[in-house]
Amino acid sequence: AHGSSNAHAIETTVAQVIAMVEGNIIGKINESL
């Protein structure tokens, strides 16, 4: 997260990470490799 993150920035990052986990990013990168 950005070094000067406010509450909204952290909230957005948490939502981003949830989408990454639910989207199985690690698995999809492995599949592509």
Full PDB file with SEQRES, HELIX, SHEET, SSBOND, CRYST1, ORIGX, SCALE, CONECT and MASTER records, all heavy atoms in Angstrom:
SEQRES   1 A   33  ALA HIS GLY SER SER ASN ALA HIS ALA ILE GLU THR THR          
SEQRES   2 A   33  VAL ALA GLN VAL ILE ALA MET VAL GLU GLY ASN ILE ILE          
SEQRES   3 A   33  GLY LYS ILE ASN GLU SER LEU                                  
HELIX    1 AA1 ALA A    7  GLU A   22  1                                  16    
HELIX    2 AA2 ILE A   25  SER A   32  1                                   8    
CRYST1    1.000    1.000    1.000  90.00  90.00  90.00 P 1           1          
ORIGX1      1.000000  0.000000  0.000000        0.00000                         
ORIGX2      0.000000  1.000000  0.000000        0.00000                         
ORIGX3      0.000000  0.000000  1.000000        0.00000                         
SCALE1      1.000000  0.000000  0.000000        0.00000                         
SCALE2      0.000000  1.000000  0.000000        0.00000                         
SCALE3      0.000000  0.000000  1.000000        0.00000                         
ATOM      1  N   ALA A   1       0.847  -1.193   0.000  1.00  0.00           N  
ATOM      2  CA  ALA A   1       0.000   0.000   0.000  1.00  0.00           C  
ATOM      3  C   ALA A   1       0.887   1.250   0.000  1.00  0.00           C  
ATOM      4  O   ALA A   1       2.053   1.188   0.396  1.00  0.00           O  
ATOM      5  CB  ALA A   1      -0.910  -0.003   1.226  1.00  0.00           C  
ATOM      6  N   HIS A   2       0.363   2.354  -0.464  1.00  0.00           N  
ATOM      7  CA  HIS A   2       1.128   3.606  -0.512  1.00  0.00           C  
ATOM      8  C   HIS A   2       1.541   4.031   0.895  1.00  0.00           C  
ATOM      9  O   HIS A   2       0.791   3.857   1.858  1.00  0.00           O  
ATOM     10  CB  HIS A   2       0.281   4.700  -1.148  1.00  0.00           C  
ATOM     11  CG  HIS A   2       1.083   5.838  -1.706  1.00  0.00           C  
ATOM     12  ND1 HIS A   2       1.666   6.789  -0.900  1.00  0.00           N  
ATOM     13  CD2 HIS A   2       1.413   6.172  -2.978  1.00  0.00           C  
ATOM     14  CE1 HIS A   2       2.313   7.676  -1.658  1.00  0.00           C  
ATOM     15  NE2 HIS A   2       2.174   7.316  -2.920  1.00  0.00           N  
ATOM     16  N   GLY A   3       2.729   4.571   1.006  1.00  0.00           N  
ATOM     17  CA  GLY A   3       3.249   4.967   2.312  1.00  0.00           C  
ATOM     18  C   GLY A   3       2.403   5.996   3.037  1.00  0.00           C  
ATOM     19  O   GLY A   3       2.384   6.045   4.268  1.00  0.00           O  
ATOM     20  N   SER A   4       1.701   6.824   2.273  1.00  0.00           N  
ATOM     21  CA  SER A   4       0.858   7.860   2.892  1.00  0.00           C  
ATOM     22  C   SER A   4      -0.622   7.482   2.842  1.00  0.00           C  
ATOM     23  O   SER A   4      -1.490   8.348   2.794  1.00  0.00           O  
ATOM     24  CB  SER A   4       1.072   9.202   2.180  1.00  0.00           C  
ATOM     25  OG  SER A   4       0.789   9.097   0.789  1.00  0.00           O  
ATOM     26  N   SER A   5      -0.895   6.185   2.840  1.00  0.00           N  
ATOM     27  CA  SER A   5      -2.276   5.708   2.740  1.00  0.00           C  
ATOM     28  C   SER A   5      -3.155   6.211   3.876  1.00  0.00           C  
ATOM     29  O   SER A   5      -2.758   6.181   5.045  1.00  0.00           O  
ATOM     30  CB  SER A   5      -2.299   4.172   2.735  1.00  0.00           C  
ATOM     31  OG  SER A   5      -1.734   3.651   1.565  1.00  0.00           O  
ATOM     32  N   ASN A   6      -4.355   6.662   3.501  1.00  0.00           N  
ATOM     33  CA  ASN A   6      -5.368   7.000   4.506  1.00  0.00           C  
ATOM     34  C   ASN A   6      -6.306   5.808   4.652  1.00  0.00           C  
ATOM     35  O   ASN A   6      -6.084   4.748   4.051  1.00  0.00           O  
ATOM     36  CB  ASN A   6      -6.132   8.271   4.101  1.00  0.00           C  
ATOM     37  CG  ASN A   6      -6.739   8.163   2.705  1.00  0.00           C  
ATOM     38  OD1 ASN A   6      -6.935   7.056   2.183  1.00  0.00           O  
ATOM     39  ND2 ASN A   6      -7.023   9.294   2.094  1.00  0.00           N  
ATOM     40  N   ALA A   7      -7.365   5.966   5.423  1.00  0.00           N  
ATOM     41  CA  ALA A   7      -8.287   4.854   5.668  1.00  0.00           C  
ATOM     42  C   ALA A   7      -8.916   4.353   4.369  1.00  0.00           C  
ATOM     43  O   ALA A   7      -9.073   3.145   4.169  1.00  0.00           O  
ATOM     44  CB  ALA A   7      -9.370   5.296   6.648  1.00  0.00           C  
ATOM     45  N   HIS A   8      -9.265   5.292   3.480  1.00  0.00           N  
ATOM     46  CA  HIS A   8      -9.878   4.911   2.205  1.00  0.00           C  
ATOM     47  C   HIS A   8      -8.911   4.090   1.359  1.00  0.00           C  
ATOM     48  O   HIS A   8      -9.315   3.110   0.717  1.00  0.00           O  
ATOM     49  CB  HIS A   8     -10.316   6.156   1.434  1.00  0.00           C  
ATOM     50  CG  HIS A   8     -10.845   5.866   0.065  1.00  0.00           C  
ATOM     51  ND1 HIS A   8     -11.986   5.120  -0.147  1.00  0.00           N  
ATOM     52  CD2 HIS A   8     -10.370   6.191  -1.180  1.00  0.00           C  
ATOM     53  CE1 HIS A   8     -12.213   5.010  -1.445  1.00  0.00           C  
ATOM     54  NE2 HIS A   8     -11.246   5.642  -2.092  1.00  0.00           N  
ATOM     55  N   ALA A   9      -7.636   4.471   1.342  1.00  0.00           N  
ATOM     56  CA  ALA A   9      -6.634   3.743   0.556  1.00  0.00           C  
ATOM     57  C   ALA A   9      -6.469   2.318   1.075  1.00  0.00           C  
ATOM     58  O   ALA A   9      -6.351   1.371   0.280  1.00  0.00           O  
ATOM     59  CB  ALA A   9      -5.298   4.477   0.603  1.00  0.00           C  
ATOM     60  N   ILE A  10      -6.465   2.153   2.387  1.00  0.00           N  
ATOM     61  CA  ILE A  10      -6.341   0.816   2.965  1.00  0.00           C  
ATOM     62  C   ILE A  10      -7.587  -0.010   2.658  1.00  0.00           C  
ATOM     63  O   ILE A  10      -7.495  -1.197   2.313  1.00  0.00           O  
ATOM     64  CB  ILE A  10      -6.121   0.896   4.491  1.00  0.00           C  
ATOM     65  CG1 ILE A  10      -4.775   1.576   4.801  1.00  0.00           C  
ATOM     66  CG2 ILE A  10      -6.168  -0.499   5.117  1.00  0.00           C  
ATOM     67  CD1 ILE A  10      -3.559   0.827   4.268  1.00  0.00           C  
ATOM     68  N   GLU A  11      -8.744   0.624   2.731  1.00  0.00           N  
ATOM     69  CA  GLU A  11      -9.997  -0.073   2.406  1.00  0.00           C  
ATOM     70  C   GLU A  11      -9.975  -0.571   0.957  1.00  0.00           C  
ATOM     71  O   GLU A  11     -10.339  -1.719   0.673  1.00  0.00           O  
ATOM     72  CB  GLU A  11     -11.182   0.875   2.599  1.00  0.00           C  
ATOM     73  CG  GLU A  11     -12.533   0.254   2.227  1.00  0.00           C  
ATOM     74  CD  GLU A  11     -13.657   1.270   2.203  1.00  0.00           C  
ATOM     75  OE1 GLU A  11     -13.373   2.481   2.162  1.00  0.00           O  
ATOM     76  OE2 GLU A  11     -14.824   0.841   2.195  1.00  0.00           O  
ATOM     77  N   THR A  12      -9.519   0.281   0.045  1.00  0.00           N  
ATOM     78  CA  THR A  12      -9.443  -0.086  -1.362  1.00  0.00           C  
ATOM     79  C   THR A  12      -8.459  -1.224  -1.576  1.00  0.00           C  
ATOM     80  O   THR A  12      -8.709  -2.143  -2.365  1.00  0.00           O  
ATOM     81  CB  THR A  12      -9.002   1.133  -2.209  1.00  0.00           C  
ATOM     82  OG1 THR A  12      -9.876   2.234  -1.956  1.00  0.00           O  
ATOM     83  CG2 THR A  12      -9.037   0.802  -3.684  1.00  0.00           C  
ATOM     84  N   THR A  13      -7.334  -1.175  -0.866  1.00  0.00           N  
ATOM     85  CA  THR A  13      -6.318  -2.219  -0.997  1.00  0.00           C  
ATOM     86  C   THR A  13      -6.821  -3.550  -0.454  1.00  0.00           C  
ATOM     87  O   THR A  13      -6.548  -4.612  -1.033  1.00  0.00           O  
ATOM     88  CB  THR A  13      -5.020  -1.807  -0.271  1.00  0.00           C  
ATOM     89  OG1 THR A  13      -4.591  -0.524  -0.748  1.00  0.00           O  
ATOM     90  CG2 THR A  13      -3.914  -2.817  -0.506  1.00  0.00           C  
ATOM     91  N   VAL A  14      -7.555  -3.510   0.649  1.00  0.00           N  
ATOM     92  CA  VAL A  14      -8.137  -4.736   1.208  1.00  0.00           C  
ATOM     93  C   VAL A  14      -9.104  -5.363   0.205  1.00  0.00           C  
ATOM     94  O   VAL A  14      -9.083  -6.582  -0.037  1.00  0.00           O  
ATOM     95  CB  VAL A  14      -8.860  -4.450   2.546  1.00  0.00           C  
ATOM     96  CG1 VAL A  14      -9.667  -5.669   2.983  1.00  0.00           C  
ATOM     97  CG2 VAL A  14      -7.855  -4.080   3.627  1.00  0.00           C  
ATOM     98  N   ALA A  15      -9.945  -4.529  -0.423  1.00  0.00           N  
ATOM     99  CA  ALA A  15     -10.886  -5.026  -1.430  1.00  0.00           C  
ATOM    100  C   ALA A  15     -10.135  -5.621  -2.625  1.00  0.00           C  
ATOM    101  O   ALA A  15     -10.539  -6.648  -3.187  1.00  0.00           O  
ATOM    102  CB  ALA A  15     -11.799  -3.889  -1.892  1.00  0.00           C  
ATOM    103  N   GLN A  16      -9.038  -4.979  -2.988  1.00  0.00           N  
ATOM    104  CA  GLN A  16      -8.198  -5.465  -4.088  1.00  0.00           C  
ATOM    105  C   GLN A  16      -7.624  -6.840  -3.763  1.00  0.00           C  
ATOM    106  O   GLN A  16      -7.662  -7.761  -4.601  1.00  0.00           O  
ATOM    107  CB  GLN A  16      -7.060  -4.477  -4.332  1.00  0.00           C  
ATOM    108  CG  GLN A  16      -6.002  -4.939  -5.327  1.00  0.00           C  
ATOM    109  CD  GLN A  16      -4.748  -4.070  -5.262  1.00  0.00           C  
ATOM    110  OE1 GLN A  16      -4.552  -3.314  -4.303  1.00  0.00           O  
ATOM    111  NE2 GLN A  16      -3.910  -4.161  -6.272  1.00  0.00           N  
ATOM    112  N   VAL A  17      -7.121  -6.999  -2.555  1.00  0.00           N  
ATOM    113  CA  VAL A  17      -6.508  -8.265  -2.144  1.00  0.00           C  
ATOM    114  C   VAL A  17      -7.558  -9.376  -2.059  1.00  0.00           C  
ATOM    115  O   VAL A  17      -7.292 -10.522  -2.448  1.00  0.00           O  
ATOM    116  CB  VAL A  17      -5.783  -8.093  -0.793  1.00  0.00           C  
ATOM    117  CG1 VAL A  17      -5.385  -9.440  -0.224  1.00  0.00           C  
ATOM    118  CG2 VAL A  17      -4.547  -7.221  -0.978  1.00  0.00           C  
ATOM    119  N   ILE A  18      -8.741  -9.044  -1.579  1.00  0.00           N  
ATOM    120  CA  ILE A  18      -9.817 -10.040  -1.532  1.00  0.00           C  
ATOM    121  C   ILE A  18     -10.126 -10.548  -2.938  1.00  0.00           C  
ATOM    122  O   ILE A  18     -10.286 -11.750  -3.169  1.00  0.00           O  
ATOM    123  CB  ILE A  18     -11.088  -9.442  -0.888  1.00  0.00           C  
ATOM    124  CG1 ILE A  18     -10.851  -9.209   0.605  1.00  0.00           C  
ATOM    125  CG2 ILE A  18     -12.289 -10.370  -1.091  1.00  0.00           C  
ATOM    126  CD1 ILE A  18     -11.979  -8.471   1.305  1.00  0.00           C  
ATOM    127  N   ALA A  19     -10.182  -9.602  -3.896  1.00  0.00           N  
ATOM    128  CA  ALA A  19     -10.440  -9.979  -5.293  1.00  0.00           C  
ATOM    129  C   ALA A  19      -9.313 -10.855  -5.837  1.00  0.00           C  
ATOM    130  O   ALA A  19      -9.557 -11.792  -6.608  1.00  0.00           O  
ATOM    131  CB  ALA A  19     -10.602  -8.728  -6.151  1.00  0.00           C  
ATOM    132  N   MET A  20      -8.079 -10.562  -5.431  1.00  0.00           N  
ATOM    133  CA  MET A  20      -6.927 -11.360  -5.879  1.00  0.00           C  
ATOM    134  C   MET A  20      -7.007 -12.788  -5.340  1.00  0.00           C  
ATOM    135  O   MET A  20      -6.764 -13.754  -6.072  1.00  0.00           O  
ATOM    136  CB  MET A  20      -5.627 -10.701  -5.415  1.00  0.00           C  
ATOM    137  CG  MET A  20      -5.288  -9.411  -6.123  1.00  0.00           C  
ATOM    138  SD  MET A  20      -3.813  -8.595  -5.432  1.00  0.00           S  
ATOM    139  CE  MET A  20      -2.534  -9.775  -5.911  1.00  0.00           C  
ATOM    140  N   VAL A  21      -7.340 -12.915  -4.061  1.00  0.00           N  
ATOM    141  CA  VAL A  21      -7.416 -14.240  -3.442  1.00  0.00           C  
ATOM    142  C   VAL A  21      -8.580 -15.037  -4.038  1.00  0.00           C  
ATOM    143  O   VAL A  21      -8.435 -16.214  -4.394  1.00  0.00           O  
ATOM    144  CB  VAL A  21      -7.564 -14.119  -1.913  1.00  0.00           C  
ATOM    145  CG1 VAL A  21      -7.819 -15.489  -1.289  1.00  0.00           C  
ATOM    146  CG2 VAL A  21      -6.310 -13.490  -1.309  1.00  0.00           C  
ATOM    147  N   GLU A  22      -9.746 -14.383  -4.149  1.00  0.00           N  
ATOM    148  CA  GLU A  22     -10.911 -15.071  -4.702  1.00  0.00           C  
ATOM    149  C   GLU A  22     -10.719 -15.406  -6.175  1.00  0.00           C  
ATOM    150  O   GLU A  22     -11.258 -16.392  -6.681  1.00  0.00           O  
ATOM    151  CB  GLU A  22     -12.155 -14.204  -4.521  1.00  0.00           C  
ATOM    152  CG  GLU A  22     -12.575 -14.046  -3.063  1.00  0.00           C  
ATOM    153  CD  GLU A  22     -13.818 -13.190  -2.902  1.00  0.00           C  
ATOM    154  OE1 GLU A  22     -14.163 -12.463  -3.865  1.00  0.00           O  
ATOM    155  OE2 GLU A  22     -14.437 -13.249  -1.828  1.00  0.00           O  
ATOM    156  N   GLY A  23      -9.927 -14.584  -6.864  1.00  0.00           N  
ATOM    157  CA  GLY A  23      -9.652 -14.834  -8.275  1.00  0.00           C  
ATOM    158  C   GLY A  23      -8.530 -15.820  -8.508  1.00  0.00           C  
ATOM    159  O   GLY A  23      -8.192 -16.130  -9.656  1.00  0.00           O  
ATOM    160  N   ASN A  24      -7.916 -16.313  -7.402  1.00  0.00           N  
ATOM    161  CA  ASN A  24      -6.843 -17.314  -7.467  1.00  0.00           C  
ATOM    162  C   ASN A  24      -5.702 -16.850  -8.371  1.00  0.00           C  
ATOM    163  O   ASN A  24      -5.299 -17.561  -9.310  1.00  0.00           O  
ATOM    164  CB  ASN A  24      -7.400 -18.657  -7.956  1.00  0.00           C  
ATOM    165  CG  ASN A  24      -6.377 -19.782  -7.853  1.00  0.00           C  
ATOM    166  OD1 ASN A  24      -5.448 -19.728  -7.047  1.00  0.00           O  
ATOM    167  ND2 ASN A  24      -6.531 -20.795  -8.694  1.00  0.00           N  
ATOM    168  N   ILE A  25      -5.173 -15.665  -8.073  1.00  0.00           N  
ATOM    169  CA  ILE A  25      -4.108 -15.093  -8.897  1.00  0.00           C  
ATOM    170  C   ILE A  25      -2.889 -16.012  -8.971  1.00  0.00           C  
ATOM    171  O   ILE A  25      -2.332 -16.241 -10.047  1.00  0.00           O  
ATOM    172  CB  ILE A  25      -3.683 -13.716  -8.330  1.00  0.00           C  
ATOM    173  CG1 ILE A  25      -4.819 -12.709  -8.489  1.00  0.00           C  
ATOM    174  CG2 ILE A  25      -2.431 -13.211  -9.034  1.00  0.00           C  
ATOM    175  CD1 ILE A  25      -5.211 -12.445  -9.913  1.00  0.00           C  
ATOM    176  N   ILE A  26      -2.466 -16.541  -7.831  1.00  0.00           N  
ATOM    177  CA  ILE A  26      -1.287 -17.405  -7.805  1.00  0.00           C  
ATOM    178  C   ILE A  26      -1.506 -18.622  -8.701  1.00  0.00           C  
ATOM    179  O   ILE A  26      -0.629 -19.012  -9.482  1.00  0.00           O  
ATOM    180  CB  ILE A  26      -0.964 -17.863  -6.363  1.00  0.00           C  
ATOM    181  CG1 ILE A  26      -0.773 -16.646  -5.433  1.00  0.00           C  
ATOM    182  CG2 ILE A  26       0.277 -18.745  -6.358  1.00  0.00           C  
ATOM    183  CD1 ILE A  26       0.366 -15.748  -5.831  1.00  0.00           C  
ATOM    184  N   GLY A  27      -2.682 -19.221  -8.608  1.00  0.00           N  
ATOM    185  CA  GLY A  27      -2.990 -20.383  -9.426  1.00  0.00           C  
ATOM    186  C   GLY A  27      -3.014 -20.062 -10.909  1.00  0.00           C  
ATOM    187  O   GLY A  27      -2.513 -20.835 -11.729  1.00  0.00           O  
ATOM    188  N   LYS A  28      -3.573 -18.897 -11.265  1.00  0.00           N  
ATOM    189  CA  LYS A  28      -3.655 -18.517 -12.676  1.00  0.00           C  
ATOM    190  C   LYS A  28      -2.278 -18.210 -13.266  1.00  0.00           C  
ATOM    191  O   LYS A  28      -2.018 -18.512 -14.432  1.00  0.00           O  
ATOM    192  CB  LYS A  28      -4.586 -17.311 -12.830  1.00  0.00           C  
ATOM    193  CG  LYS A  28      -6.066 -17.696 -12.748  1.00  0.00           C  
ATOM    194  CD  LYS A  28      -6.964 -16.521 -12.991  1.00  0.00           C  
ATOM    195  CE  LYS A  28      -8.395 -16.984 -13.219  1.00  0.00           C  
ATOM    196  NZ  LYS A  28      -8.935 -17.830 -12.169  1.00  0.00           N  
ATOM    197  N   ILE A  29      -1.406 -17.616 -12.466  1.00  0.00           N  
ATOM    198  CA  ILE A  29      -0.046 -17.360 -12.943  1.00  0.00           C  
ATOM    199  C   ILE A  29       0.684 -18.684 -13.156  1.00  0.00           C  
ATOM    200  O   ILE A  29       1.389 -18.870 -14.154  1.00  0.00           O  
ATOM    201  CB  ILE A  29       0.734 -16.469 -11.944  1.00  0.00           C  
ATOM    202  CG1 ILE A  29       0.132 -15.049 -11.925  1.00  0.00           C  
ATOM    203  CG2 ILE A  29       2.214 -16.404 -12.311  1.00  0.00           C  
ATOM    204  CD1 ILE A  29       0.755 -14.134 -10.886  1.00  0.00           C  
ATOM    205  N   ASN A  30       0.481 -19.612 -12.239  1.00  0.00           N  
ATOM    206  CA  ASN A  30       1.098 -20.935 -12.377  1.00  0.00           C  
ATOM    207  C   ASN A  30       0.610 -21.650 -13.638  1.00  0.00           C  
ATOM    208  O   ASN A  30       1.390 -22.276 -14.358  1.00  0.00           O  
ATOM    209  CB  ASN A  30       0.792 -21.802 -11.149  1.00  0.00           C  
ATOM    210  CG  ASN A  30       1.792 -21.599 -10.020  1.00  0.00           C  
ATOM    211  OD1 ASN A  30       2.985 -21.472 -10.259  1.00  0.00           O  
ATOM    212  ND2 ASN A  30       1.316 -21.557  -8.792  1.00  0.00           N  
ATOM    213  N   GLU A  31      -0.691 -21.543 -13.905  1.00  0.00           N  
ATOM    214  CA  GLU A  31      -1.269 -22.167 -15.097  1.00  0.00           C  
ATOM    215  C   GLU A  31      -0.647 -21.583 -16.362  1.00  0.00           C  
ATOM    216  O   GLU A  31      -0.330 -22.309 -17.312  1.00  0.00           O  
ATOM    217  CB  GLU A  31      -2.784 -21.960 -15.117  1.00  0.00           C  
ATOM    218  CG  GLU A  31      -3.542 -22.764 -14.069  1.00  0.00           C  
ATOM    219  CD  GLU A  31      -5.015 -22.405 -14.037  1.00  0.00           C  
ATOM    220  OE1 GLU A  31      -5.461 -21.653 -14.951  1.00  0.00           O  
ATOM    221  OE2 GLU A  31      -5.729 -22.863 -13.122  1.00  0.00           O  
ATOM    222  N   SER A  32      -0.503 -20.259 -16.365  1.00  0.00           N  
ATOM    223  CA  SER A  32       0.072 -19.577 -17.525  1.00  0.00           C  
ATOM    224  C   SER A  32       1.518 -19.999 -17.744  1.00  0.00           C  
ATOM    225  O   SER A  32       1.957 -20.233 -18.876  1.00  0.00           O  
ATOM    226  CB  SER A  32      -0.013 -18.056 -17.332  1.00  0.00           C  
ATOM    227  OG  SER A  32       0.440 -17.373 -18.478  1.00  0.00           O  
ATOM    228  N   LEU A  33       2.264 -20.133 -16.641  1.00  0.00           N  
ATOM    229  CA  LEU A  33       3.662 -20.563 -16.730  1.00  0.00           C  
ATOM    230  C   LEU A  33       3.777 -21.982 -17.258  1.00  0.00           C  
ATOM    231  O   LEU A  33       4.627 -22.282 -18.102  1.00  0.00           O  
ATOM    232  CB  LEU A  33       4.326 -20.468 -15.353  1.00  0.00           C  
ATOM    233  CG  LEU A  33       4.635 -19.073 -14.810  1.00  0.00           C  
ATOM    234  CD1 LEU A  33       5.079 -19.160 -13.357  1.00  0.00           C  
ATOM    235  CD2 LEU A  33       5.698 -18.386 -15.639  1.00  0.00           C  
TER     236      LEU A  33                                                      
MASTER        0    0    0    2    0    0    0    6  235    1    0    3          
END                                                                             
